[in-house]
Amino acid sequence: MTRDEYYQESFEIAMDEAGCGHLLAQMTPEQRAEIGGAIAGSVECEGMAFYRPESPLIGENDRLTRKLKWERELDPCGVCHGSGREKYNTGPWAVDTSCYKCHGQGKIHPLGEREPA
């Protein structure tokens, strides 16, 4: 069954239920098919007539999918070897600070890309 045939059948059922079945007998099959096609076209344009904003969950899901993909591509930092900390001695002092390369995360993106928003 095509989309137009579905809407044509829906139209014919609605006419019968409304008590207008006698009018269907006066219509040609081409007229019924034309009405079915017109209803199908109206359904396609419903979004323009009645605005429905996109669900915010779709955008949130897309954002989290991009972030997960980005996190799966991360490699251990070559400077701190994945610890996120740099430790070294400078004379009598010992320095323990966040890694300058990975900013304390312990991992970096191989292409140098920043975390997606």
C-alpha atoms as a PDB file:
ATOM      1  CA  MET A   1       0.000   0.000   0.000  1.00  0.00           C
ATOM      2  CA  THR A   2       1.391   3.403  -0.939  1.00  0.00           C
ATOM      3  CA  ARG A   3       1.227   6.487   1.234  1.00  0.00           C
ATOM      4  CA  ASP A   4      -1.448   8.064  -0.973  1.00  0.00           C
ATOM      5  CA  GLU A   5      -3.524   4.870  -0.901  1.00  0.00           C
ATOM      6  CA  TYR A   6      -3.306   4.836   2.889  1.00  0.00           C
ATOM      7  CA  TYR A   7      -4.651   8.380   3.127  1.00  0.00           C
ATOM      8  CA  GLN A   8      -7.307   7.658   0.511  1.00  0.00           C
ATOM      9  CA  GLU A   9      -8.535   4.710   2.581  1.00  0.00           C
ATOM     10  CA  SER A  10      -8.441   6.864   5.738  1.00  0.00           C
ATOM     11  CA  PHE A  11     -10.536   9.503   3.963  1.00  0.00           C
ATOM     12  CA  GLU A  12     -13.084   6.912   2.812  1.00  0.00           C
ATOM     13  CA  ILE A  13     -13.381   5.456   6.327  1.00  0.00           C
ATOM     14  CA  ALA A  14     -13.843   8.929   7.810  1.00  0.00           C
ATOM     15  CA  MET A  15     -16.550   9.731   5.258  1.00  0.00           C
ATOM     16  CA  ASP A  16     -18.392   6.497   6.144  1.00  0.00           C
ATOM     17  CA  GLU A  17     -18.110   7.169   9.887  1.00  0.00           C
ATOM     18  CA  ALA A  18     -19.415  10.716   9.389  1.00  0.00           C
ATOM     19  CA  GLY A  19     -22.460   9.378   7.534  1.00  0.00           C
ATOM     20  CA  CYS A  20     -21.318  10.706   4.177  1.00  0.00           C
ATOM     21  CA  GLY A  21     -20.659   7.321   2.568  1.00  0.00           C
ATOM     22  CA  HIS A  22     -23.337   8.036  -0.035  1.00  0.00           C
ATOM     23  CA  LEU A  23     -21.120  10.835  -1.377  1.00  0.00           C
ATOM     24  CA  LEU A  24     -18.287   8.374  -1.992  1.00  0.00           C
ATOM     25  CA  ALA A  25     -20.495   6.495  -4.456  1.00  0.00           C
ATOM     26  CA  GLN A  26     -20.734   9.668  -6.538  1.00  0.00           C
ATOM     27  CA  MET A  27     -16.950  10.122  -6.687  1.00  0.00           C
ATOM     28  CA  THR A  28     -14.693   8.585  -9.304  1.00  0.00           C
ATOM     29  CA  PRO A  29     -11.668   6.510  -8.242  1.00  0.00           C
ATOM     30  CA  GLU A  30      -9.454   9.296  -9.621  1.00  0.00           C
ATOM     31  CA  GLN A  31     -11.156  11.856  -7.363  1.00  0.00           C
ATOM     32  CA  ARG A  32     -10.682   9.604  -4.342  1.00  0.00           C
ATOM     33  CA  ALA A  33      -7.012   9.120  -5.245  1.00  0.00           C
ATOM     34  CA  GLU A  34      -6.563  12.880  -5.683  1.00  0.00           C
ATOM     35  CA  ILE A  35      -8.029  13.520  -2.222  1.00  0.00           C
ATOM     36  CA  GLY A  36      -5.739  10.851  -0.732  1.00  0.00           C
ATOM     37  CA  GLY A  37      -2.708  12.525  -2.331  1.00  0.00           C
ATOM     38  CA  ALA A  38      -3.816  15.952  -1.113  1.00  0.00           C
ATOM     39  CA  ILE A  39      -4.176  14.693   2.452  1.00  0.00           C
ATOM     40  CA  ALA A  40      -0.723  13.070   2.259  1.00  0.00           C
ATOM     41  CA  GLY A  41       0.717  16.411   1.106  1.00  0.00           C
ATOM     42  CA  SER A  42      -1.000  18.213   3.971  1.00  0.00           C
ATOM     43  CA  VAL A  43       0.505  15.799   6.473  1.00  0.00           C
ATOM     44  CA  GLU A  44       3.991  16.484   5.061  1.00  0.00           C
ATOM     45  CA  CYS A  45       3.477  20.239   5.542  1.00  0.00           C
ATOM     46  CA  GLU A  46       2.082  19.913   9.065  1.00  0.00           C
ATOM     47  CA  GLY A  47       5.418  20.898  10.576  1.00  0.00           C
ATOM     48  CA  MET A  48       5.278  24.283   8.850  1.00  0.00           C
ATOM     49  CA  ALA A  49       1.753  24.951  10.090  1.00  0.00           C
ATOM     50  CA  PHE A  50       2.290  23.822  13.678  1.00  0.00           C
ATOM     51  CA  TYR A  51       5.785  24.568  14.967  1.00  0.00           C
ATOM     52  CA  ARG A  52       7.238  21.882  17.192  1.00  0.00           C
ATOM     53  CA  PRO A  53      10.725  22.637  18.466  1.00  0.00           C
ATOM     54  CA  GLU A  54      13.295  19.886  18.297  1.00  0.00           C
ATOM     55  CA  SER A  55      13.640  17.949  21.502  1.00  0.00           C
ATOM     56  CA  PRO A  56      16.609  19.235  23.518  1.00  0.00           C
ATOM     57  CA  LEU A  57      17.455  15.614  24.260  1.00  0.00           C
ATOM     58  CA  ILE A  58      18.468  15.070  20.627  1.00  0.00           C
ATOM     59  CA  GLY A  59      21.057  17.845  20.806  1.00  0.00           C
ATOM     60  CA  GLU A  60      22.283  16.645  24.195  1.00  0.00           C
ATOM     61  CA  ASN A  61      22.673  13.097  22.856  1.00  0.00           C
ATOM     62  CA  ASP A  62      24.642  14.377  19.847  1.00  0.00           C
ATOM     63  CA  ARG A  63      26.916  16.447  22.105  1.00  0.00           C
ATOM     64  CA  LEU A  64      27.607  13.525  24.429  1.00  0.00           C
ATOM     65  CA  THR A  65      28.267  11.210  21.471  1.00  0.00           C
ATOM     66  CA  ARG A  66      30.882  13.644  20.099  1.00  0.00           C
ATOM     67  CA  LYS A  67      32.490  13.988  23.530  1.00  0.00           C
ATOM     68  CA  LEU A  68      32.651  10.195  24.011  1.00  0.00           C
ATOM     69  CA  LYS A  69      34.221   9.753  20.569  1.00  0.00           C
ATOM     70  CA  TRP A  70      36.782  12.443  21.426  1.00  0.00           C
ATOM     71  CA  GLU A  71      37.603  10.816  24.788  1.00  0.00           C
ATOM     72  CA  ARG A  72      38.098   7.411  23.167  1.00  0.00           C
ATOM     73  CA  GLU A  73      40.720   8.951  20.858  1.00  0.00           C
ATOM     74  CA  LEU A  74      42.855  10.286  23.744  1.00  0.00           C
ATOM     75  CA  ASP A  75      46.405   9.003  24.241  1.00  0.00           C
ATOM     76  CA  PRO A  76      48.532   9.106  27.412  1.00  0.00           C
ATOM     77  CA  CYS A  77      50.567  12.308  27.674  1.00  0.00           C
ATOM     78  CA  GLY A  78      54.185  11.825  26.624  1.00  0.00           C
ATOM     79  CA  VAL A  79      55.508  14.435  29.057  1.00  0.00           C
ATOM     80  CA  CYS A  80      53.995  13.161  32.329  1.00  0.00           C
ATOM     81  CA  HIS A  81      53.409   9.592  31.101  1.00  0.00           C
ATOM     82  CA  GLY A  82      49.698   9.784  31.963  1.00  0.00           C
ATOM     83  CA  SER A  83      50.045  10.951  35.583  1.00  0.00           C
ATOM     84  CA  GLY A  84      49.016  14.557  34.925  1.00  0.00           C
ATOM     85  CA  ARG A  85      51.873  15.767  37.167  1.00  0.00           C
ATOM     86  CA  GLU A  86      55.405  16.900  36.425  1.00  0.00           C
ATOM     87  CA  LYS A  87      58.022  16.212  39.047  1.00  0.00           C
ATOM     88  CA  TYR A  88      61.612  17.361  38.821  1.00  0.00           C
ATOM     89  CA  ASN A  89      64.404  18.695  40.964  1.00  0.00           C
ATOM     90  CA  THR A  90      65.913  22.141  40.532  1.00  0.00           C
ATOM     91  CA  GLY A  91      68.881  22.251  42.819  1.00  0.00           C
ATOM     92  CA  PRO A  92      67.767  21.973  46.423  1.00  0.00           C
ATOM     93  CA  TRP A  93      64.079  22.266  45.498  1.00  0.00           C
ATOM     94  CA  ALA A  94      61.686  19.621  44.238  1.00  0.00           C
ATOM     95  CA  VAL A  95      58.937  20.748  41.909  1.00  0.00           C
ATOM     96  CA  ASP A  96      55.605  18.957  41.661  1.00  0.00           C
ATOM     97  CA  THR A  97      53.149  20.726  39.342  1.00  0.00           C
ATOM     98  CA  SER A  98      50.440  20.082  36.773  1.00  0.00           C
ATOM     99  CA  CYS A  99      51.742  18.938  33.433  1.00  0.00           C
ATOM    100  CA  TYR A 100      52.020  21.823  30.952  1.00  0.00           C
ATOM    101  CA  LYS A 101      51.148  19.592  27.994  1.00  0.00           C
ATOM    102  CA  CYS A 102      47.949  17.885  29.226  1.00  0.00           C
ATOM    103  CA  HIS A 103      47.044  20.459  31.913  1.00  0.00           C
ATOM    104  CA  GLY A 104      46.882  17.758  34.574  1.00  0.00           C
ATOM    105  CA  GLN A 105      44.533  15.457  32.666  1.00  0.00           C
ATOM    106  CA  GLY A 106      47.116  12.779  31.899  1.00  0.00           C
ATOM    107  CA  LYS A 107      45.850  12.362  28.343  1.00  0.00           C
ATOM    108  CA  ILE A 108      46.026  14.391  25.163  1.00  0.00           C
ATOM    109  CA  HIS A 109      44.308  14.200  21.805  1.00  0.00           C
ATOM    110  CA  PRO A 110      46.663  12.888  19.101  1.00  0.00           C
ATOM    111  CA  LEU A 111      45.680  15.694  16.730  1.00  0.00           C
ATOM    112  CA  GLY A 112      45.942  18.385  19.395  1.00  0.00           C
ATOM    113  CA  GLU A 113      42.195  19.037  19.243  1.00  0.00           C
ATOM    114  CA  ARG A 114      40.436  20.633  22.164  1.00  0.00           C
ATOM    115  CA  GLU A 115      37.577  18.969  24.001  1.00  0.00           C
ATOM    116  CA  PRO A 116      34.260  19.422  22.153  1.00  0.00           C
ATOM    117  CA  ALA A 117      31.721  21.744  23.726  1.00  0.00           C
END
